[in-house]
Amino acid sequence: MLGSYTEIDESLFEQLEELLVMADTGVPTAERICDEVKKRVKEQRITDPTQIFEMLRTTVAEMIAGDEELHVHTNLR
């Protein structure tokens, strides 16, 4: 679906976030991934939307690899 874009704009990132949520990443994770990809696009001055998929893959792989601890959150008060 992202291959149909000819430029990197907010619409592309909205679509990407929607796809991530539909893939069951959850809204907070989808937002975090999109924010990181946006940051990298800006830093690396990427203008070709076809490069987004590789950047997405790299970003997710780094997020997974960088956090090997088990995080358990409860609402015990």
N, C-alpha and C. Protein backbone atom coordinates (compact mmCIF):
# COMPACT_ATOMS: atom_id res chain seq x y z
N MET A 1 0.81 -1.19 0.00
CA MET A 1 0.00 0.00 0.00
C MET A 1 0.85 1.26 0.00
N LEU A 2 1.98 1.24 0.68
CA LEU A 2 2.83 2.42 0.73
C LEU A 2 3.49 2.70 -0.61
N GLY A 3 3.55 1.70 -1.48
CA GLY A 3 4.19 1.87 -2.78
C GLY A 3 3.44 2.81 -3.69
N SER A 4 2.21 3.14 -3.36
CA SER A 4 1.42 4.03 -4.21
C SER A 4 1.74 5.50 -3.98
N TYR A 5 2.53 5.81 -2.97
CA TYR A 5 2.86 7.20 -2.67
C TYR A 5 4.02 7.67 -3.53
N THR A 6 3.93 8.92 -3.98
CA THR A 6 5.00 9.50 -4.79
C THR A 6 5.82 10.51 -4.00
N GLU A 7 5.35 10.84 -2.79
CA GLU A 7 6.10 11.75 -1.93
C GLU A 7 5.89 11.36 -0.47
N ILE A 8 6.81 11.79 0.35
CA ILE A 8 6.70 11.52 1.79
C ILE A 8 5.97 12.71 2.40
N ASP A 9 4.78 12.44 2.92
CA ASP A 9 3.98 13.49 3.54
C ASP A 9 3.21 12.91 4.72
N GLU A 10 2.42 13.75 5.36
CA GLU A 10 1.68 13.32 6.54
C GLU A 10 0.70 12.20 6.20
N SER A 11 0.15 12.23 5.01
CA SER A 11 -0.79 11.19 4.58
C SER A 11 -0.12 9.82 4.57
N LEU A 12 1.12 9.76 4.12
CA LEU A 12 1.86 8.50 4.11
C LEU A 12 2.03 7.97 5.53
N PHE A 13 2.39 8.86 6.46
CA PHE A 13 2.59 8.41 7.84
C PHE A 13 1.28 8.03 8.51
N GLU A 14 0.18 8.68 8.15
CA GLU A 14 -1.12 8.28 8.68
C GLU A 14 -1.48 6.88 8.20
N GLN A 15 -1.21 6.61 6.93
CA GLN A 15 -1.48 5.29 6.37
C GLN A 15 -0.59 4.23 7.03
N LEU A 16 0.68 4.57 7.22
CA LEU A 16 1.61 3.66 7.87
C LEU A 16 1.16 3.34 9.28
N GLU A 17 0.76 4.36 10.03
CA GLU A 17 0.29 4.14 11.39
C GLU A 17 -0.96 3.26 11.40
N GLU A 18 -1.86 3.51 10.47
CA GLU A 18 -3.08 2.69 10.39
C GLU A 18 -2.74 1.23 10.09
N LEU A 19 -1.80 1.01 9.18
CA LEU A 19 -1.38 -0.36 8.86
C LEU A 19 -0.75 -1.05 10.07
N LEU A 20 0.05 -0.32 10.81
CA LEU A 20 0.68 -0.89 12.00
C LEU A 20 -0.36 -1.25 13.06
N VAL A 21 -1.35 -0.40 13.25
CA VAL A 21 -2.41 -0.69 14.22
C VAL A 21 -3.21 -1.91 13.76
N MET A 22 -3.51 -1.97 12.47
CA MET A 22 -4.24 -3.13 11.94
C MET A 22 -3.42 -4.41 12.07
N ALA A 23 -2.09 -4.28 12.11
CA ALA A 23 -1.22 -5.43 12.29
C ALA A 23 -1.09 -5.80 13.77
N ASP A 24 -1.89 -5.14 14.60
CA ASP A 24 -1.99 -5.44 16.03
C ASP A 24 -0.75 -5.04 16.82
N THR A 25 -0.10 -3.94 16.43
CA THR A 25 1.02 -3.44 17.23
C THR A 25 0.53 -2.63 18.41
N GLY A 26 -0.71 -2.12 18.31
CA GLY A 26 -1.24 -1.23 19.33
C GLY A 26 -0.96 0.20 18.95
N VAL A 27 -1.81 1.10 19.38
CA VAL A 27 -1.68 2.50 19.00
C VAL A 27 -0.39 3.14 19.54
N PRO A 28 -0.05 2.96 20.82
CA PRO A 28 1.18 3.60 21.32
C PRO A 28 2.43 3.13 20.57
N THR A 29 2.50 1.84 20.28
CA THR A 29 3.67 1.31 19.56
C THR A 29 3.69 1.82 18.13
N ALA A 30 2.55 1.85 17.48
CA ALA A 30 2.47 2.36 16.11
C ALA A 30 2.91 3.83 16.06
N GLU A 31 2.46 4.60 17.03
CA GLU A 31 2.86 6.02 17.08
C GLU A 31 4.37 6.15 17.30
N ARG A 32 4.89 5.35 18.19
CA ARG A 32 6.33 5.39 18.47
C ARG A 32 7.15 5.03 17.24
N ILE A 33 6.73 3.99 16.53
CA ILE A 33 7.43 3.57 15.32
C ILE A 33 7.37 4.68 14.27
N CYS A 34 6.19 5.23 14.05
CA CYS A 34 6.04 6.30 13.05
C CYS A 34 6.86 7.53 13.42
N ASP A 35 6.86 7.89 14.69
CA ASP A 35 7.66 9.04 15.12
C ASP A 35 9.14 8.82 14.85
N GLU A 36 9.61 7.62 15.12
CA GLU A 36 11.02 7.31 14.89
C GLU A 36 11.35 7.33 13.40
N VAL A 37 10.48 6.76 12.58
CA VAL A 37 10.71 6.77 11.13
C VAL A 37 10.69 8.21 10.61
N LYS A 38 9.74 9.03 11.08
CA LYS A 38 9.69 10.44 10.68
C LYS A 38 11.01 11.14 11.02
N LYS A 39 11.49 10.89 12.23
CA LYS A 39 12.74 11.51 12.68
C LYS A 39 13.89 11.12 11.76
N ARG A 40 13.97 9.85 11.42
CA ARG A 40 15.04 9.37 10.56
C ARG A 40 14.93 9.93 9.14
N VAL A 41 13.70 10.04 8.65
CA VAL A 41 13.49 10.62 7.32
C VAL A 41 14.02 12.04 7.29
N LYS A 42 13.71 12.79 8.33
CA LYS A 42 14.16 14.18 8.41
C LYS A 42 15.68 14.26 8.54
N GLU A 43 16.24 13.46 9.44
CA GLU A 43 17.69 13.48 9.67
C GLU A 43 18.47 13.09 8.42
N GLN A 44 17.98 12.08 7.71
CA GLN A 44 18.69 11.57 6.54
C GLN A 44 18.24 12.24 5.24
N ARG A 45 17.30 13.17 5.37
CA ARG A 45 16.77 13.91 4.21
C ARG A 45 16.28 12.98 3.10
N ILE A 46 15.52 11.98 3.52
CA ILE A 46 14.96 11.01 2.58
C ILE A 46 13.77 11.67 1.88
N THR A 47 13.71 11.56 0.58
CA THR A 47 12.59 12.11 -0.19
C THR A 47 11.86 11.04 -1.01
N ASP A 48 12.43 9.87 -1.08
CA ASP A 48 11.86 8.79 -1.89
C ASP A 48 11.02 7.87 -1.01
N PRO A 49 9.71 7.83 -1.22
CA PRO A 49 8.85 7.00 -0.37
C PRO A 49 9.17 5.50 -0.42
N THR A 50 9.83 5.05 -1.48
CA THR A 50 10.16 3.63 -1.56
C THR A 50 11.20 3.23 -0.51
N GLN A 51 11.88 4.21 0.07
CA GLN A 51 12.87 3.91 1.11
C GLN A 51 12.24 3.76 2.49
N ILE A 52 10.97 4.11 2.62
CA ILE A 52 10.29 4.04 3.92
C ILE A 52 10.21 2.61 4.44
N PHE A 53 9.91 1.65 3.57
CA PHE A 53 9.75 0.27 4.04
C PHE A 53 11.04 -0.25 4.68
N GLU A 54 12.17 -0.02 4.06
CA GLU A 54 13.45 -0.47 4.63
C GLU A 54 13.72 0.25 5.95
N MET A 55 13.43 1.53 6.00
CA MET A 55 13.62 2.30 7.22
C MET A 55 12.70 1.78 8.33
N LEU A 56 11.48 1.42 7.95
CA LEU A 56 10.53 0.84 8.90
C LEU A 56 11.05 -0.49 9.44
N ARG A 57 11.53 -1.33 8.54
CA ARG A 57 12.06 -2.64 8.94
C ARG A 57 13.23 -2.48 9.91
N THR A 58 14.14 -1.57 9.60
CA THR A 58 15.30 -1.33 10.44
C THR A 58 14.88 -0.78 11.80
N THR A 59 13.97 0.15 11.81
CA THR A 59 13.50 0.76 13.05
C THR A 59 12.87 -0.27 13.98
N VAL A 60 11.99 -1.10 13.44
CA VAL A 60 11.33 -2.13 14.25
C VAL A 60 12.35 -3.15 14.75
N ALA A 61 13.27 -3.57 13.90
CA ALA A 61 14.29 -4.54 14.30
C ALA A 61 15.14 -3.98 15.44
N GLU A 62 15.51 -2.72 15.36
CA GLU A 62 16.31 -2.10 16.43
C GLU A 62 15.52 -1.99 17.72
N MET A 63 14.23 -1.67 17.62
CA MET A 63 13.39 -1.58 18.82
C MET A 63 13.28 -2.93 19.50
N ILE A 64 13.11 -3.97 18.71
CA ILE A 64 12.99 -5.32 19.27
C ILE A 64 14.32 -5.77 19.87
N ALA A 65 15.39 -5.57 19.16
CA ALA A 65 16.71 -6.02 19.62
C ALA A 65 17.19 -5.25 20.84
N GLY A 66 16.79 -4.01 20.96
CA GLY A 66 17.28 -3.17 22.04
C GLY A 66 16.57 -3.33 23.35
N ASP A 67 15.55 -4.17 23.42
CA ASP A 67 14.76 -4.29 24.64
C ASP A 67 14.46 -5.75 24.90
N GLU A 68 15.39 -6.40 25.57
CA GLU A 68 15.23 -7.82 25.83
C GLU A 68 14.66 -8.12 27.21
N GLU A 69 14.39 -7.07 28.00
CA GLU A 69 13.85 -7.28 29.34
C GLU A 69 12.34 -7.48 29.26
N LEU A 70 11.83 -8.23 30.21
CA LEU A 70 10.40 -8.43 30.31
C LEU A 70 9.83 -7.29 31.17
N HIS A 71 8.86 -6.59 30.63
CA HIS A 71 8.23 -5.49 31.35
C HIS A 71 6.80 -5.89 31.70
N VAL A 72 6.52 -5.94 32.97
CA VAL A 72 5.19 -6.30 33.42
C VAL A 72 4.63 -5.08 34.17
N HIS A 73 3.51 -4.59 33.72
CA HIS A 73 2.89 -3.43 34.36
C HIS A 73 1.55 -3.85 34.93
N THR A 74 1.33 -3.47 36.15
CA THR A 74 0.04 -3.74 36.78
C THR A 74 -0.49 -2.44 37.35
N ASN A 75 -1.76 -2.42 37.62
CA ASN A 75 -2.38 -1.25 38.22
C ASN A 75 -2.64 -1.47 39.71
N LEU A 76 -1.68 -2.07 40.39
CA LEU A 76 -1.84 -2.29 41.82
C LEU A 76 -1.57 -0.99 42.56
N ARG A 77 -2.49 -0.59 43.39
CA ARG A 77 -2.31 0.66 44.15
C ARG A 77 -2.59 0.43 45.58
